[in-house]
Amino acid sequence: MVKKEDESLIGCMSLGVAKNHKRAELAYWVGQPYWGQGFAIEAAKRIVQFGFEVLELNRIFAAAMTKNLGSYRVMSKIGMKDEGIFKQHILKWDVFEDLVFYGMTKIDYADAAGSY
């Protein structure tokens, strides 16, 4: 992700595709100076659109630590739905962290097409 005005690095976004299941995991990070400015939402909408329209995926999901409210707000704002919490799902810096999962299907995407 780069800023249009000066092409400075803002962050990174990717789809980890499982071709045999026609699904992908959306993952991203955004540099702290760029938090809360809508960059992640804009990029996530575009990559989700690419996933459904070009890659012809059936499902896209994402996860974030429950304490990372900004990250799962991005997921919600692009039309993903809360699918639940996996308790102590990852070990980060010697602490077990809970993850919240969000997802959407191609049908969900089609229903939200006006917001893309």
PDB file of N, CA and C in Angstrom:
ATOM      1  N   MET A   1       0.850  -1.165   0.000  1.00  0.00           N
ATOM      2  CA  MET A   1       0.000   0.000   0.000  1.00  0.00           C
ATOM      3  C   MET A   1       0.896   1.228   0.000  1.00  0.00           C
ATOM      4  N   VAL A   2       0.663   2.117  -0.970  1.00  0.00           N
ATOM      5  CA  VAL A   2       1.428   3.355  -1.041  1.00  0.00           C
ATOM      6  C   VAL A   2       0.476   4.541  -1.133  1.00  0.00           C
ATOM      7  N   LYS A   3       0.920   5.647  -0.605  1.00  0.00           N
ATOM      8  CA  LYS A   3       0.153   6.887  -0.641  1.00  0.00           C
ATOM      9  C   LYS A   3       0.205   7.455  -2.062  1.00  0.00           C
ATOM     10  N   LYS A   4      -0.947   7.804  -2.615  1.00  0.00           N
ATOM     11  CA  LYS A   4      -1.026   8.290  -3.987  1.00  0.00           C
ATOM     12  C   LYS A   4      -0.187   9.547  -4.213  1.00  0.00           C
ATOM     13  N   GLU A   5      -0.223  10.469  -3.262  1.00  0.00           N
ATOM     14  CA  GLU A   5       0.419  11.767  -3.436  1.00  0.00           C
ATOM     15  C   GLU A   5       1.936  11.675  -3.612  1.00  0.00           C
ATOM     16  N   ASP A   6       2.586  10.853  -2.799  1.00  0.00           N
ATOM     17  CA  ASP A   6       4.054  10.826  -2.841  1.00  0.00           C
ATOM     18  C   ASP A   6       4.631   9.411  -2.921  1.00  0.00           C
ATOM     19  N   GLU A   7       3.775   8.418  -3.081  1.00  0.00           N
ATOM     20  CA  GLU A   7       4.168   7.011  -3.190  1.00  0.00           C
ATOM     21  C   GLU A   7       4.944   6.499  -1.978  1.00  0.00           C
ATOM     22  N   SER A   8       4.704   7.102  -0.812  1.00  0.00           N
ATOM     23  CA  SER A   8       5.349   6.607   0.411  1.00  0.00           C
ATOM     24  C   SER A   8       4.620   5.347   0.890  1.00  0.00           C
ATOM     25  N   LEU A   9       5.369   4.453   1.498  1.00  0.00           N
ATOM     26  CA  LEU A   9       4.829   3.191   1.979  1.00  0.00           C
ATOM     27  C   LEU A   9       3.893   3.435   3.163  1.00  0.00           C
ATOM     28  N   ILE A  10       2.673   2.909   3.055  1.00  0.00           N
ATOM     29  CA  ILE A  10       1.670   3.019   4.113  1.00  0.00           C
ATOM     30  C   ILE A  10       1.567   1.704   4.871  1.00  0.00           C
ATOM     31  N   GLY A  11       1.580   0.598   4.121  1.00  0.00           N
ATOM     32  CA  GLY A  11       1.411  -0.711   4.727  1.00  0.00           C
ATOM     33  C   GLY A  11       1.421  -1.797   3.670  1.00  0.00           C
ATOM     34  N   CYS A  12       0.846  -2.941   4.018  1.00  0.00           N
ATOM     35  CA  CYS A  12       0.852  -4.106   3.143  1.00  0.00           C
ATOM     36  C   CYS A  12      -0.483  -4.831   3.278  1.00  0.00           C
ATOM     37  N   MET A  13      -0.961  -5.395   2.164  1.00  0.00           N
ATOM     38  CA  MET A  13      -2.213  -6.149   2.186  1.00  0.00           C
ATOM     39  C   MET A  13      -2.081  -7.309   1.217  1.00  0.00           C
ATOM     40  N   SER A  14      -2.626  -8.470   1.590  1.00  0.00           N
ATOM     41  CA  SER A  14      -2.513  -9.647   0.730  1.00  0.00           C
ATOM     42  C   SER A  14      -3.714 -10.566   0.889  1.00  0.00           C
ATOM     43  N   LEU A  15      -3.853 -11.450  -0.085  1.00  0.00           N
ATOM     44  CA  LEU A  15      -4.814 -12.546  -0.020  1.00  0.00           C
ATOM     45  C   LEU A  15      -4.019 -13.843  -0.045  1.00  0.00           C
ATOM     46  N   GLY A  16      -4.184 -14.661   0.962  1.00  0.00           N
ATOM     47  CA  GLY A  16      -3.589 -15.997   0.975  1.00  0.00           C
ATOM     48  C   GLY A  16      -4.626 -16.957   0.410  1.00  0.00           C
ATOM     49  N   VAL A  17      -4.453 -17.347  -0.835  1.00  0.00           N
ATOM     50  CA  VAL A  17      -5.478 -18.092  -1.566  1.00  0.00           C
ATOM     51  C   VAL A  17      -5.312 -19.600  -1.394  1.00  0.00           C
ATOM     52  N   ALA A  18      -6.417 -20.282  -1.112  1.00  0.00           N
ATOM     53  CA  ALA A  18      -6.503 -21.745  -1.127  1.00  0.00           C
ATOM     54  C   ALA A  18      -7.336 -22.098  -2.359  1.00  0.00           C
ATOM     55  N   LYS A  19      -6.651 -22.310  -3.487  1.00  0.00           N
ATOM     56  CA  LYS A  19      -7.340 -22.504  -4.767  1.00  0.00           C
ATOM     57  C   LYS A  19      -8.351 -23.648  -4.743  1.00  0.00           C
ATOM     58  N   ASN A  20      -7.973 -24.766  -4.139  1.00  0.00           N
ATOM     59  CA  ASN A  20      -8.862 -25.931  -4.148  1.00  0.00           C
ATOM     60  C   ASN A  20     -10.156 -25.698  -3.372  1.00  0.00           C
ATOM     61  N   HIS A  21     -10.181 -24.703  -2.499  1.00  0.00           N
ATOM     62  CA  HIS A  21     -11.394 -24.388  -1.737  1.00  0.00           C
ATOM     63  C   HIS A  21     -12.047 -23.083  -2.197  1.00  0.00           C
ATOM     64  N   LYS A  22     -11.415 -22.396  -3.156  1.00  0.00           N
ATOM     65  CA  LYS A  22     -11.916 -21.118  -3.680  1.00  0.00           C
ATOM     66  C   LYS A  22     -12.162 -20.103  -2.553  1.00  0.00           C
ATOM     67  N   ARG A  23     -11.185 -20.039  -1.653  1.00  0.00           N
ATOM     68  CA  ARG A  23     -11.270 -19.085  -0.543  1.00  0.00           C
ATOM     69  C   ARG A  23      -9.908 -18.461  -0.322  1.00  0.00           C
ATOM     70  N   ALA A  24      -9.907 -17.359   0.443  1.00  0.00           N
ATOM     71  CA  ALA A  24      -8.644 -16.692   0.756  1.00  0.00           C
ATOM     72  C   ALA A  24      -8.742 -16.000   2.104  1.00  0.00           C
ATOM     73  N   GLU A  25      -7.591 -15.851   2.737  1.00  0.00           N
ATOM     74  CA  GLU A  25      -7.492 -15.073   3.964  1.00  0.00           C
ATOM     75  C   GLU A  25      -6.915 -13.706   3.619  1.00  0.00           C
ATOM     76  N   LEU A  26      -7.637 -12.675   4.004  1.00  0.00           N
ATOM     77  CA  LEU A  26      -7.185 -11.302   3.852  1.00  0.00           C
ATOM     78  C   LEU A  26      -6.298 -10.967   5.049  1.00  0.00           C
ATOM     79  N   ALA A  27      -5.103 -10.456   4.767  1.00  0.00           N
ATOM     80  CA  ALA A  27      -4.187 -10.074   5.840  1.00  0.00           C
ATOM     81  C   ALA A  27      -3.588  -8.712   5.509  1.00  0.00           C
ATOM     82  N   TYR A  28      -3.294  -7.935   6.540  1.00  0.00           N
ATOM     83  CA  TYR A  28      -2.750  -6.601   6.304  1.00  0.00           C
ATOM     84  C   TYR A  28      -2.087  -6.042   7.544  1.00  0.00           C
ATOM     85  N   TRP A  29      -1.235  -5.074   7.304  1.00  0.00           N
ATOM     86  CA  TRP A  29      -0.719  -4.213   8.367  1.00  0.00           C
ATOM     87  C   TRP A  29      -0.626  -2.803   7.804  1.00  0.00           C
ATOM     88  N   VAL A  30      -0.796  -1.842   8.693  1.00  0.00           N
ATOM     89  CA  VAL A  30      -0.739  -0.430   8.308  1.00  0.00           C
ATOM     90  C   VAL A  30       0.175   0.268   9.311  1.00  0.00           C
ATOM     91  N   GLY A  31       1.088   1.091   8.794  1.00  0.00           N
ATOM     92  CA  GLY A  31       1.984   1.848   9.667  1.00  0.00           C
ATOM     93  C   GLY A  31       1.194   2.767  10.587  1.00  0.00           C
ATOM     94  N   GLN A  32       1.583   2.849  11.835  1.00  0.00           N
ATOM     95  CA  GLN A  32       0.847   3.613  12.845  1.00  0.00           C
ATOM     96  C   GLN A  32       0.538   5.056  12.446  1.00  0.00           C
ATOM     97  N   PRO A  33       1.421   5.779  11.745  1.00  0.00           N
ATOM     98  CA  PRO A  33       1.079   7.156  11.372  1.00  0.00           C
ATOM     99  C   PRO A  33      -0.141   7.249  10.438  1.00  0.00           C
ATOM    100  N   TYR A  34      -0.537   6.105   9.849  1.00  0.00           N
ATOM    101  CA  TYR A  34      -1.637   6.105   8.875  1.00  0.00           C
ATOM    102  C   TYR A  34      -2.922   5.492   9.419  1.00  0.00           C
ATOM    103  N   TRP A  35      -2.939   5.112  10.675  1.00  0.00           N
ATOM    104  CA  TRP A  35      -4.133   4.531  11.280  1.00  0.00           C
ATOM    105  C   TRP A  35      -5.274   5.544  11.275  1.00  0.00           C
ATOM    106  N   GLY A  36      -6.488   5.045  11.103  1.00  0.00           N
ATOM    107  CA  GLY A  36      -7.687   5.874  11.230  1.00  0.00           C
ATOM    108  C   GLY A  36      -7.926   6.844  10.090  1.00  0.00           C
ATOM    109  N   GLN A  37      -7.235   6.667   8.962  1.00  0.00           N
ATOM    110  CA  GLN A  37      -7.399   7.582   7.839  1.00  0.00           C
ATOM    111  C   GLN A  37      -8.116   6.944   6.647  1.00  0.00           C
ATOM    112  N   GLY A  38      -8.571   5.703   6.808  1.00  0.00           N
ATOM    113  CA  GLY A  38      -9.335   5.050   5.756  1.00  0.00           C
ATOM    114  C   GLY A  38      -8.511   4.320   4.704  1.00  0.00           C
ATOM    115  N   PHE A  39      -7.188   4.330   4.841  1.00  0.00           N
ATOM    116  CA  PHE A  39      -6.348   3.666   3.845  1.00  0.00           C
ATOM    117  C   PHE A  39      -6.598   2.156   3.799  1.00  0.00           C
ATOM    118  N   ALA A  40      -6.696   1.525   4.960  1.00  0.00           N
ATOM    119  CA  ALA A  40      -6.913   0.075   5.003  1.00  0.00           C
ATOM    120  C   ALA A  40      -8.272  -0.284   4.427  1.00  0.00           C
ATOM    121  N   ILE A  41      -9.281   0.519   4.699  1.00  0.00           N
ATOM    122  CA  ILE A  41     -10.615   0.248   4.161  1.00  0.00           C
ATOM    123  C   ILE A  41     -10.599   0.335   2.640  1.00  0.00           C
ATOM    124  N   GLU A  42      -9.989   1.380   2.111  1.00  0.00           N
ATOM    125  CA  GLU A  42      -9.907   1.549   0.655  1.00  0.00           C
ATOM    126  C   GLU A  42      -9.173   0.375   0.005  1.00  0.00           C
ATOM    127  N   ALA A  43      -8.036   0.002   0.558  1.00  0.00           N
ATOM    128  CA  ALA A  43      -7.252  -1.099  -0.008  1.00  0.00           C
ATOM    129  C   ALA A  43      -7.978  -2.434   0.144  1.00  0.00           C
ATOM    130  N   ALA A  44      -8.604  -2.659   1.298  1.00  0.00           N
ATOM    131  CA  ALA A  44      -9.311  -3.924   1.526  1.00  0.00           C
ATOM    132  C   ALA A  44     -10.484  -4.076   0.559  1.00  0.00           C
ATOM    133  N   LYS A  45     -11.213  -3.006   0.309  1.00  0.00           N
ATOM    134  CA  LYS A  45     -12.319  -3.077  -0.650  1.00  0.00           C
ATOM    135  C   LYS A  45     -11.815  -3.487  -2.027  1.00  0.00           C
ATOM    136  N   ARG A  46     -10.695  -2.914  -2.435  1.00  0.00           N
ATOM    137  CA  ARG A  46     -10.153  -3.225  -3.761  1.00  0.00           C
ATOM    138  C   ARG A  46      -9.650  -4.666  -3.850  1.00  0.00           C
ATOM    139  N   ILE A  47      -8.988  -5.139  -2.814  1.00  0.00           N
ATOM    140  CA  ILE A  47      -8.449  -6.494  -2.874  1.00  0.00           C
ATOM    141  C   ILE A  47      -9.569  -7.536  -2.765  1.00  0.00           C
ATOM    142  N   VAL A  48     -10.610  -7.229  -1.995  1.00  0.00           N
ATOM    143  CA  VAL A  48     -11.769  -8.124  -1.915  1.00  0.00           C
ATOM    144  C   VAL A  48     -12.485  -8.161  -3.270  1.00  0.00           C
ATOM    145  N   GLN A  49     -12.637  -7.018  -3.883  1.00  0.00           N
ATOM    146  CA  GLN A  49     -13.232  -6.960  -5.226  1.00  0.00           C
ATOM    147  C   GLN A  49     -12.422  -7.822  -6.202  1.00  0.00           C
ATOM    148  N   PHE A  50     -11.106  -7.699  -6.175  1.00  0.00           N
ATOM    149  CA  PHE A  50     -10.230  -8.506  -7.015  1.00  0.00           C
ATOM    150  C   PHE A  50     -10.426  -9.997  -6.722  1.00  0.00           C
ATOM    151  N   GLY A  51     -10.511 -10.339  -5.455  1.00  0.00           N
ATOM    152  CA  GLY A  51     -10.684 -11.741  -5.066  1.00  0.00           C
ATOM    153  C   GLY A  51     -11.965 -12.354  -5.613  1.00  0.00           C
ATOM    154  N   PHE A  52     -13.058 -11.623  -5.497  1.00  0.00           N
ATOM    155  CA  PHE A  52     -14.329 -12.169  -5.964  1.00  0.00           C
ATOM    156  C   PHE A  52     -14.507 -12.052  -7.479  1.00  0.00           C
ATOM    157  N   GLU A  53     -14.119 -10.922  -8.044  1.00  0.00           N
ATOM    158  CA  GLU A  53     -14.395 -10.685  -9.462  1.00  0.00           C
ATOM    159  C   GLU A  53     -13.341 -11.255 -10.404  1.00  0.00           C
ATOM    160  N   VAL A  54     -12.087 -11.246 -10.022  1.00  0.00           N
ATOM    161  CA  VAL A  54     -11.029 -11.721 -10.913  1.00  0.00           C
ATOM    162  C   VAL A  54     -10.615 -13.152 -10.559  1.00  0.00           C
ATOM    163  N   LEU A  55     -10.348 -13.403  -9.290  1.00  0.00           N
ATOM    164  CA  LEU A  55      -9.934 -14.744  -8.875  1.00  0.00           C
ATOM    165  C   LEU A  55     -11.116 -15.702  -8.744  1.00  0.00           C
ATOM    166  N   GLU A  56     -12.326 -15.174  -8.758  1.00  0.00           N
ATOM    167  CA  GLU A  56     -13.566 -15.969  -8.660  1.00  0.00           C
ATOM    168  C   GLU A  56     -13.611 -16.812  -7.389  1.00  0.00           C
ATOM    169  N   LEU A  57     -13.202 -16.195  -6.277  1.00  0.00           N
ATOM    170  CA  LEU A  57     -13.276 -16.867  -4.985  1.00  0.00           C
ATOM    171  C   LEU A  57     -14.724 -16.965  -4.524  1.00  0.00           C
ATOM    172  N   ASN A  58     -14.983 -17.900  -3.643  1.00  0.00           N
ATOM    173  CA  ASN A  58     -16.305 -18.026  -3.037  1.00  0.00           C
ATOM    174  C   ASN A  58     -16.364 -17.422  -1.644  1.00  0.00           C
ATOM    175  N   ARG A  59     -15.196 -17.335  -0.975  1.00  0.00           N
ATOM    176  CA  ARG A  59     -15.179 -16.850   0.406  1.00  0.00           C
ATOM    177  C   ARG A  59     -13.856 -16.153   0.696  1.00  0.00           C
ATOM    178  N   ILE A  60     -13.946 -15.058   1.455  1.00  0.00           N
ATOM    179  CA  ILE A  60     -12.768 -14.361   1.952  1.00  0.00           C
ATOM    180  C   ILE A  60     -12.979 -14.121   3.451  1.00  0.00           C
ATOM    181  N   PHE A  61     -11.957 -14.406   4.234  1.00  0.00           N
ATOM    182  CA  PHE A  61     -12.049 -14.208   5.683  1.00  0.00           C
ATOM    183  C   PHE A  61     -10.806 -13.490   6.180  1.00  0.00           C
ATOM    184  N   ALA A  62     -10.881 -13.005   7.398  1.00  0.00           N
ATOM    185  CA  ALA A  62      -9.756 -12.319   8.031  1.00  0.00           C
ATOM    186  C   ALA A  62      -9.855 -12.514   9.536  1.00  0.00           C
ATOM    187  N   ALA A  63      -8.738 -12.317  10.205  1.00  0.00           N
ATOM    188  CA  ALA A  63      -8.702 -12.458  11.662  1.00  0.00           C
ATOM    189  C   ALA A  63      -7.835 -11.358  12.263  1.00  0.00           C
ATOM    190  N   ALA A  64      -8.139 -11.026  13.502  1.00  0.00           N
ATOM    191  CA  ALA A  64      -7.336 -10.049  14.240  1.00  0.00           C
ATOM    192  C   ALA A  64      -7.404 -10.387  15.722  1.00  0.00           C
ATOM    193  N   MET A  65      -6.377  -9.981  16.446  1.00  0.00           N
ATOM    194  CA  MET A  65      -6.447 -10.152  17.891  1.00  0.00           C
ATOM    195  C   MET A  65      -7.616  -9.313  18.413  1.00  0.00           C
ATOM    196  N   THR A  66      -8.304  -9.822  19.402  1.00  0.00           N
ATOM    197  CA  THR A  66      -9.489  -9.128  19.912  1.00  0.00           C
ATOM    198  C   THR A  66      -9.162  -7.742  20.453  1.00  0.00           C
ATOM    199  N   LYS A  67      -7.930  -7.518  20.866  1.00  0.00           N
ATOM    200  CA  LYS A  67      -7.572  -6.199  21.374  1.00  0.00           C
ATOM    201  C   LYS A  67      -7.268  -5.204  20.254  1.00  0.00           C
ATOM    202  N   ASN A  68      -7.276  -5.660  18.996  1.00  0.00           N
ATOM    203  CA  ASN A  68      -6.993  -4.793  17.854  1.00  0.00           C
ATOM    204  C   ASN A  68      -8.302  -4.325  17.209  1.00  0.00           C
ATOM    205  N   LEU A  69      -9.016  -3.478  17.916  1.00  0.00           N
ATOM    206  CA  LEU A  69     -10.317  -2.985  17.479  1.00  0.00           C
ATOM    207  C   LEU A  69     -10.267  -2.341  16.094  1.00  0.00           C
ATOM    208  N   GLY A  70      -9.223  -1.577  15.805  1.00  0.00           N
ATOM    209  CA  GLY A  70      -9.108  -0.916  14.505  1.00  0.00           C
ATOM    210  C   GLY A  70      -9.101  -1.900  13.359  1.00  0.00           C
ATOM    211  N   SER A  71      -8.453  -3.033  13.550  1.00  0.00           N
ATOM    212  CA  SER A  71      -8.360  -4.021  12.480  1.00  0.00           C
ATOM    213  C   SER A  71      -9.717  -4.650  12.181  1.00  0.00           C
ATOM    214  N   TYR A  72     -10.432  -5.050  13.207  1.00  0.00           N
ATOM    215  CA  TYR A  72     -11.711  -5.675  12.873  1.00  0.00           C
ATOM    216  C   TYR A  72     -12.795  -4.661  12.558  1.00  0.00           C
ATOM    217  N   ARG A  73     -12.576  -3.398  12.839  1.00  0.00           N
ATOM    218  CA  ARG A  73     -13.468  -2.357  12.307  1.00  0.00           C
ATOM    219  C   ARG A  73     -13.334  -2.273  10.791  1.00  0.00           C
ATOM    220  N   VAL A  74     -12.102  -2.422  10.289  1.00  0.00           N
ATOM    221  CA  VAL A  74     -11.880  -2.455   8.839  1.00  0.00           C
ATOM    222  C   VAL A  74     -12.691  -3.595   8.228  1.00  0.00           C
ATOM    223  N   MET A  75     -12.601  -4.763   8.829  1.00  0.00           N
ATOM    224  CA  MET A  75     -13.324  -5.931   8.319  1.00  0.00           C
ATOM    225  C   MET A  75     -14.823  -5.665   8.266  1.00  0.00           C
ATOM    226  N   SER A  76     -15.339  -5.100   9.323  1.00  0.00           N
ATOM    227  CA  SER A  76     -16.766  -4.791   9.384  1.00  0.00           C
ATOM    228  C   SER A  76     -17.169  -3.757   8.335  1.00  0.00           C
ATOM    229  N   LYS A  77     -16.355  -2.724   8.169  1.00  0.00           N
ATOM    230  CA  LYS A  77     -16.688  -1.642   7.237  1.00  0.00           C
ATOM    231  C   LYS A  77     -16.646  -2.067   5.780  1.00  0.00           C
ATOM    232  N   ILE A  78     -15.956  -3.168   5.463  1.00  0.00           N
ATOM    233  CA  ILE A  78     -15.953  -3.641   4.080  1.00  0.00           C
ATOM    234  C   ILE A  78     -17.023  -4.703   3.841  1.00  0.00           C
ATOM    235  N   GLY A  79     -17.853  -4.945   4.856  1.00  0.00           N
ATOM    236  CA  GLY A  79     -18.979  -5.858   4.679  1.00  0.00           C
ATOM    237  C   GLY A  79     -18.798  -7.251   5.238  1.00  0.00           C
ATOM    238  N   MET A  80     -17.660  -7.519   5.867  1.00  0.00           N
ATOM    239  CA  MET A  80     -17.470  -8.829   6.486  1.00  0.00           C
ATOM    240  C   MET A  80     -18.305  -8.916   7.759  1.00  0.00           C
ATOM    241  N   LYS A  81     -18.711 -10.124   8.087  1.00  0.00           N
ATOM    242  CA  LYS A  81     -19.518 -10.371   9.287  1.00  0.00           C
ATOM    243  C   LYS A  81     -18.699 -11.092  10.341  1.00  0.00           C
ATOM    244  N   ASP A  82     -18.956 -10.751  11.597  1.00  0.00           N
ATOM    245  CA  ASP A  82     -18.307 -11.381  12.744  1.00  0.00           C
ATOM    246  C   ASP A  82     -18.681 -12.864  12.751  1.00  0.00           C
ATOM    247  N   GLU A  83     -17.672 -13.727  12.764  1.00  0.00           N
ATOM    248  CA  GLU A  83     -17.910 -15.175  12.754  1.00  0.00           C
ATOM    249  C   GLU A  83     -17.492 -15.845  14.056  1.00  0.00           C
ATOM    250  N   GLY A  84     -16.991 -15.063  14.994  1.00  0.00           N
ATOM    251  CA  GLY A  84     -16.684 -15.636  16.293  1.00  0.00           C
ATOM    252  C   GLY A  84     -15.244 -15.451  16.732  1.00  0.00           C
ATOM    253  N   ILE A  85     -15.008 -15.854  17.968  1.00  0.00           N
ATOM    254  CA  ILE A  85     -13.698 -15.697  18.601  1.00  0.00           C
ATOM    255  C   ILE A  85     -13.091 -17.068  18.861  1.00  0.00           C
ATOM    256  N   PHE A  86     -11.822 -17.214  18.510  1.00  0.00           N
ATOM    257  CA  PHE A  86     -11.054 -18.408  18.837  1.00  0.00           C
ATOM    258  C   PHE A  86     -10.205 -18.045  20.049  1.00  0.00           C
ATOM    259  N   LYS A  87     -10.505 -18.630  21.179  1.00  0.00           N
ATOM    260  CA  LYS A  87      -9.813 -18.330  22.435  1.00  0.00           C
ATOM    261  C   LYS A  87      -8.373 -18.829  22.407  1.00  0.00           C
ATOM    262  N   GLN A  88      -7.472 -17.976  22.861  1.00  0.00           N
ATOM    263  CA  GLN A  88      -6.051 -18.295  22.985  1.00  0.00           C
ATOM    264  C   GLN A  88      -5.527 -19.029  21.748  1.00  0.00           C
ATOM    265  N   HIS A  89      -5.836 -18.493  20.589  1.00  0.00           N
ATOM    266  CA  HIS A  89      -5.553 -19.156  19.313  1.00  0.00           C
ATOM    267  C   HIS A  89      -4.110 -18.996  18.843  1.00  0.00           C
ATOM    268  N   ILE A  90      -3.466 -17.908  19.232  1.00  0.00           N
ATOM    269  CA  ILE A  90      -2.068 -17.711  18.825  1.00  0.00           C
ATOM    270  C   ILE A  90      -1.212 -17.348  20.035  1.00  0.00           C
ATOM    271  N   LEU A  91       0.058 -17.645  19.910  1.00  0.00           N
ATOM    272  CA  LEU A  91       1.033 -17.283  20.939  1.00  0.00           C
ATOM    273  C   LEU A  91       1.875 -16.151  20.374  1.00  0.00           C
ATOM    274  N   LYS A  92       1.757 -14.968  20.974  1.00  0.00           N
ATOM    275  CA  LYS A  92       2.509 -13.808  20.512  1.00  0.00           C
ATOM    276  C   LYS A  92       3.262 -13.229  21.693  1.00  0.00           C
ATOM    277  N   TRP A  93       4.583 -13.167  21.547  1.00  0.00           N
ATOM    278  CA  TRP A  93       5.454 -12.651  22.607  1.00  0.00           C
ATOM    279  C   TRP A  93       5.172 -13.331  23.951  1.00  0.00           C
ATOM    280  N   ASP A  94       5.069 -14.642  23.915  1.00  0.00           N
ATOM    281  CA  ASP A  94       4.863 -15.490  25.093  1.00  0.00           C
ATOM    282  C   ASP A  94       3.512 -15.298  25.783  1.00  0.00           C
ATOM    283  N   VAL A  95       2.537 -14.724  25.063  1.00  0.00           N
ATOM    284  CA  VAL A  95       1.188 -14.548  25.606  1.00  0.00           C
ATOM    285  C   VAL A  95       0.195 -15.148  24.608  1.00  0.00           C
ATOM    286  N   PHE A  96      -0.718 -15.977  25.104  1.00  0.00           N
ATOM    287  CA  PHE A  96      -1.769 -16.508  24.233  1.00  0.00           C
ATOM    288  C   PHE A  96      -2.808 -15.431  23.999  1.00  0.00           C
ATOM    289  N   GLU A  97      -3.139 -15.212  22.748  1.00  0.00           N
ATOM    290  CA  GLU A  97      -4.074 -14.152  22.354  1.00  0.00           C
ATOM    291  C   GLU A  97      -5.317 -14.758  21.698  1.00  0.00           C
ATOM    292  N   ASP A  98      -6.469 -14.130  21.952  1.00  0.00           N
ATOM    293  CA  ASP A  98      -7.715 -14.506  21.301  1.00  0.00           C
ATOM    294  C   ASP A  98      -7.775 -13.836  19.925  1.00  0.00           C
ATOM    295  N   LEU A  99      -8.332 -14.546  18.947  1.00  0.00           N
ATOM    296  CA  LEU A  99      -8.528 -13.978  17.614  1.00  0.00           C
ATOM    297  C   LEU A  99     -10.016 -13.895  17.305  1.00  0.00           C
ATOM    298  N   VAL A 100     -10.421 -12.788  16.701  1.00  0.00           N
ATOM    299  CA  VAL A 100     -11.781 -12.647  16.204  1.00  0.00           C
ATOM    300  C   VAL A 100     -11.716 -12.844  14.692  1.00  0.00           C
ATOM    301  N   PHE A 101     -12.641 -13.642  14.171  1.00  0.00           N
ATOM    302  CA  PHE A 101     -12.690 -13.925  12.739  1.00  0.00           C
ATOM    303  C   PHE A 101     -13.894 -13.233  12.115  1.00  0.00           C
ATOM    304  N   TYR A 102     -13.665 -12.673  10.933  1.00  0.00           N
ATOM    305  CA  TYR A 102     -14.712 -12.063  10.122  1.00  0.00           C
ATOM    306  C   TYR A 102     -14.644 -12.705   8.746  1.00  0.00           C
ATOM    307  N   GLY A 103     -15.766 -12.746   8.038  1.00  0.00           N
ATOM    308  CA  GLY A 103     -15.743 -13.318   6.704  1.00  0.00           C
ATOM    309  C   GLY A 103     -16.915 -12.874   5.865  1.00  0.00           C
ATOM    310  N   MET A 104     -16.803 -13.181   4.571  1.00  0.00           N
ATOM    311  CA  MET A 104     -17.898 -12.926   3.640  1.00  0.00           C
ATOM    312  C   MET A 104     -17.805 -13.919   2.495  1.00  0.00           C
ATOM    313  N   THR A 105     -18.972 -14.206   1.916  1.00  0.00           N
ATOM    314  CA  THR A 105     -19.036 -15.080   0.753  1.00  0.00           C
ATOM    315  C   THR A 105     -19.267 -14.238  -0.492  1.00  0.00           C
ATOM    316  N   LYS A 106     -19.197 -14.877  -1.623  1.00  0.00           N
ATOM    317  CA  LYS A 106     -19.438 -14.181  -2.885  1.00  0.00           C
ATOM    318  C   LYS A 106     -20.859 -13.604  -2.909  1.00  0.00           C
ATOM    319  N   ILE A 107     -21.804 -14.300  -2.319  1.00  0.00           N
ATOM    320  CA  ILE A 107     -23.187 -13.800  -2.237  1.00  0.00           C
ATOM    321  C   ILE A 107     -23.249 -12.556  -1.367  1.00  0.00           C
ATOM    322  N   ASP A 108     -22.547 -12.568  -0.230  1.00  0.00           N
ATOM    323  CA  ASP A 108     -22.487 -11.381   0.632  1.00  0.00           C
ATOM    324  C   ASP A 108     -21.905 -10.201  -0.141  1.00  0.00           C
ATOM    325  N   TYR A 109     -20.847 -10.472  -0.881  1.00  0.00           N
ATOM    326  CA  TYR A 109     -20.192  -9.429  -1.690  1.00  0.00           C
ATOM    327  C   TYR A 109     -21.156  -8.864  -2.725  1.00  0.00           C
ATOM    328  N   ALA A 110     -21.870  -9.747  -3.396  1.00  0.00           N
ATOM    329  CA  ALA A 110     -22.844  -9.292  -4.415  1.00  0.00           C
ATOM    330  C   ALA A 110     -23.919  -8.428  -3.785  1.00  0.00           C
ATOM    331  N   ASP A 111     -24.360  -8.792  -2.585  1.00  0.00           N
ATOM    332  CA  ASP A 111     -25.387  -8.009  -1.876  1.00  0.00           C
ATOM    333  C   ASP A 111     -24.869  -6.629  -1.483  1.00  0.00           C
ATOM    334  N   ALA A 112     -23.545  -6.521  -1.235  1.00  0.00           N
ATOM    335  CA  ALA A 112     -22.933  -5.248  -0.822  1.00  0.00           C
ATOM    336  C   ALA A 112     -22.306  -4.508  -2.005  1.00  0.00           C
ATOM    337  N   ALA A 113     -22.555  -4.961  -3.210  1.00  0.00           N
ATOM    338  CA  ALA A 113     -21.871  -4.426  -4.395  1.00  0.00           C
ATOM    339  C   ALA A 113     -21.993  -2.907  -4.520  1.00  0.00           C
ATOM    340  N   GLY A 114     -23.076  -2.319  -4.071  1.00  0.00           N
ATOM    341  CA  GLY A 114     -23.239  -0.877  -4.148  1.00  0.00           C
ATOM    342  C   GLY A 114     -22.229  -0.106  -3.323  1.00  0.00           C
ATOM    343  N   SER A 115     -21.672  -0.750  -2.282  1.00  0.00           N
ATOM    344  CA  SER A 115     -20.695  -0.057  -1.446  1.00  0.00           C
ATOM    345  C   SER A 115     -19.267  -0.223  -1.979  1.00  0.00           C
ATOM    346  N   TYR A 116     -19.134  -0.941  -3.063  1.00  0.00           N
ATOM    347  CA  TYR A 116     -17.814  -1.140  -3.665  1.00  0.00           C
ATOM    348  C   TYR A 116     -17.748  -0.287  -4.891  1.00  0.00           C
TER     349      TYR A 116
END
